[in-house]
Amino acid sequence: MTDAAAVIASPDNVARLIPGGAANLANVTDDELLANTRRLVGKANQLLAALLLHLAEVEVRGVHRTR
């Protein structure tokens, strides 16, 4: 990762991109933080699976080649 990418991806910078992100995380307990992290990973996995299905269908239909 480049120095610029490391700065952009720092936890503080990422938290600033999410409305109320830094403030909300500072006020949660460790247990809440872990539970929320697990929940978000689950949602991310579901979203990734849906995206992969859509990309596969785009490929099967070849619609990306006609537009």
C-alpha atoms as a PDB file:
ATOM      1  CA  MET A   1       0.000   0.000   0.000  1.00  0.00           C
ATOM      2  CA  THR A   2       1.345   3.436  -0.857  1.00  0.00           C
ATOM      3  CA  ASP A   3       1.735   6.103   1.801  1.00  0.00           C
ATOM      4  CA  ALA A   4      -1.224   8.016   0.340  1.00  0.00           C
ATOM      5  CA  ALA A   5      -3.411   4.900   0.365  1.00  0.00           C
ATOM      6  CA  ALA A   6      -2.437   4.189   3.963  1.00  0.00           C
ATOM      7  CA  VAL A   7      -3.512   7.694   4.978  1.00  0.00           C
ATOM      8  CA  ILE A   8      -6.836   7.390   3.140  1.00  0.00           C
ATOM      9  CA  ALA A   9      -7.504   3.936   4.629  1.00  0.00           C
ATOM     10  CA  SER A  10      -6.609   4.885   8.199  1.00  0.00           C
ATOM     11  CA  PRO A  11      -9.370   4.120  10.714  1.00  0.00           C
ATOM     12  CA  ASP A  12      -9.771   7.817  11.566  1.00  0.00           C
ATOM     13  CA  ASN A  13     -10.251   8.809   7.930  1.00  0.00           C
ATOM     14  CA  VAL A  14     -12.661   5.949   7.264  1.00  0.00           C
ATOM     15  CA  ALA A  15     -14.694   6.876  10.361  1.00  0.00           C
ATOM     16  CA  ARG A  16     -14.969  10.446   9.090  1.00  0.00           C
ATOM     17  CA  LEU A  17     -16.584   9.165   5.885  1.00  0.00           C
ATOM     18  CA  ILE A  18     -19.429   7.641   7.884  1.00  0.00           C
ATOM     19  CA  PRO A  19     -21.821  10.197   9.420  1.00  0.00           C
ATOM     20  CA  GLY A  20     -21.276  10.065  13.170  1.00  0.00           C
ATOM     21  CA  GLY A  21     -18.821   7.184  12.724  1.00  0.00           C
ATOM     22  CA  ALA A  22     -15.990   8.305  14.973  1.00  0.00           C
ATOM     23  CA  ALA A  23     -18.271   9.599  17.722  1.00  0.00           C
ATOM     24  CA  ASN A  24     -20.470   6.508  17.684  1.00  0.00           C
ATOM     25  CA  LEU A  25     -17.554   4.088  17.904  1.00  0.00           C
ATOM     26  CA  ALA A  26     -15.938   5.955  20.757  1.00  0.00           C
ATOM     27  CA  ASN A  27     -19.049   5.401  22.868  1.00  0.00           C
ATOM     28  CA  VAL A  28     -19.683   1.674  22.364  1.00  0.00           C
ATOM     29  CA  THR A  29     -18.546  -1.059  24.681  1.00  0.00           C
ATOM     30  CA  ASP A  30     -16.103  -3.730  23.550  1.00  0.00           C
ATOM     31  CA  ASP A  31     -18.929  -6.289  23.429  1.00  0.00           C
ATOM     32  CA  GLU A  32     -21.093  -3.967  21.330  1.00  0.00           C
ATOM     33  CA  LEU A  33     -18.165  -3.239  19.015  1.00  0.00           C
ATOM     34  CA  LEU A  34     -17.533  -6.944  18.419  1.00  0.00           C
ATOM     35  CA  ALA A  35     -21.229  -7.734  17.943  1.00  0.00           C
ATOM     36  CA  ASN A  36     -21.679  -4.862  15.497  1.00  0.00           C
ATOM     37  CA  THR A  37     -18.545  -5.882  13.626  1.00  0.00           C
ATOM     38  CA  ARG A  38     -19.832  -9.451  13.256  1.00  0.00           C
ATOM     39  CA  ARG A  39     -23.211  -8.142  12.055  1.00  0.00           C
ATOM     40  CA  LEU A  40     -21.578  -5.835   9.514  1.00  0.00           C
ATOM     41  CA  VAL A  41     -19.325  -8.618   8.214  1.00  0.00           C
ATOM     42  CA  GLY A  42     -22.430 -10.754   7.717  1.00  0.00           C
ATOM     43  CA  LYS A  43     -24.130  -7.949   5.786  1.00  0.00           C
ATOM     44  CA  ALA A  44     -20.980  -7.377   3.733  1.00  0.00           C
ATOM     45  CA  ASN A  45     -20.843 -11.071   2.849  1.00  0.00           C
ATOM     46  CA  GLN A  46     -24.493 -11.014   1.751  1.00  0.00           C
ATOM     47  CA  LEU A  47     -23.911  -7.894  -0.330  1.00  0.00           C
ATOM     48  CA  LEU A  48     -20.811  -9.406  -1.937  1.00  0.00           C
ATOM     49  CA  ALA A  49     -22.740 -12.585  -2.792  1.00  0.00           C
ATOM     50  CA  ALA A  50     -25.527 -10.547  -4.411  1.00  0.00           C
ATOM     51  CA  LEU A  51     -22.991  -8.482  -6.356  1.00  0.00           C
ATOM     52  CA  LEU A  52     -21.238 -11.623  -7.621  1.00  0.00           C
ATOM     53  CA  LEU A  53     -24.573 -13.068  -8.767  1.00  0.00           C
ATOM     54  CA  HIS A  54     -25.352  -9.880 -10.658  1.00  0.00           C
ATOM     55  CA  LEU A  55     -21.908  -9.762 -12.251  1.00  0.00           C
ATOM     56  CA  ALA A  56     -22.256 -13.390 -13.318  1.00  0.00           C
ATOM     57  CA  GLU A  57     -25.643 -12.661 -14.899  1.00  0.00           C
ATOM     58  CA  VAL A  58     -24.221  -9.623 -16.718  1.00  0.00           C
ATOM     59  CA  GLU A  59     -21.485 -11.881 -18.081  1.00  0.00           C
ATOM     60  CA  VAL A  60     -23.914 -14.647 -19.081  1.00  0.00           C
ATOM     61  CA  ARG A  61     -26.183 -12.201 -20.895  1.00  0.00           C
ATOM     62  CA  GLY A  62     -23.254 -10.333 -22.392  1.00  0.00           C
ATOM     63  CA  VAL A  63     -24.980  -7.022 -21.794  1.00  0.00           C
ATOM     64  CA  HIS A  64     -21.683  -5.339 -21.020  1.00  0.00           C
ATOM     65  CA  ARG A  65     -20.605  -6.000 -24.606  1.00  0.00           C
ATOM     66  CA  THR A  66     -23.643  -4.377 -26.182  1.00  0.00           C
ATOM     67  CA  ARG A  67     -23.600  -1.024 -24.386  1.00  0.00           C
END
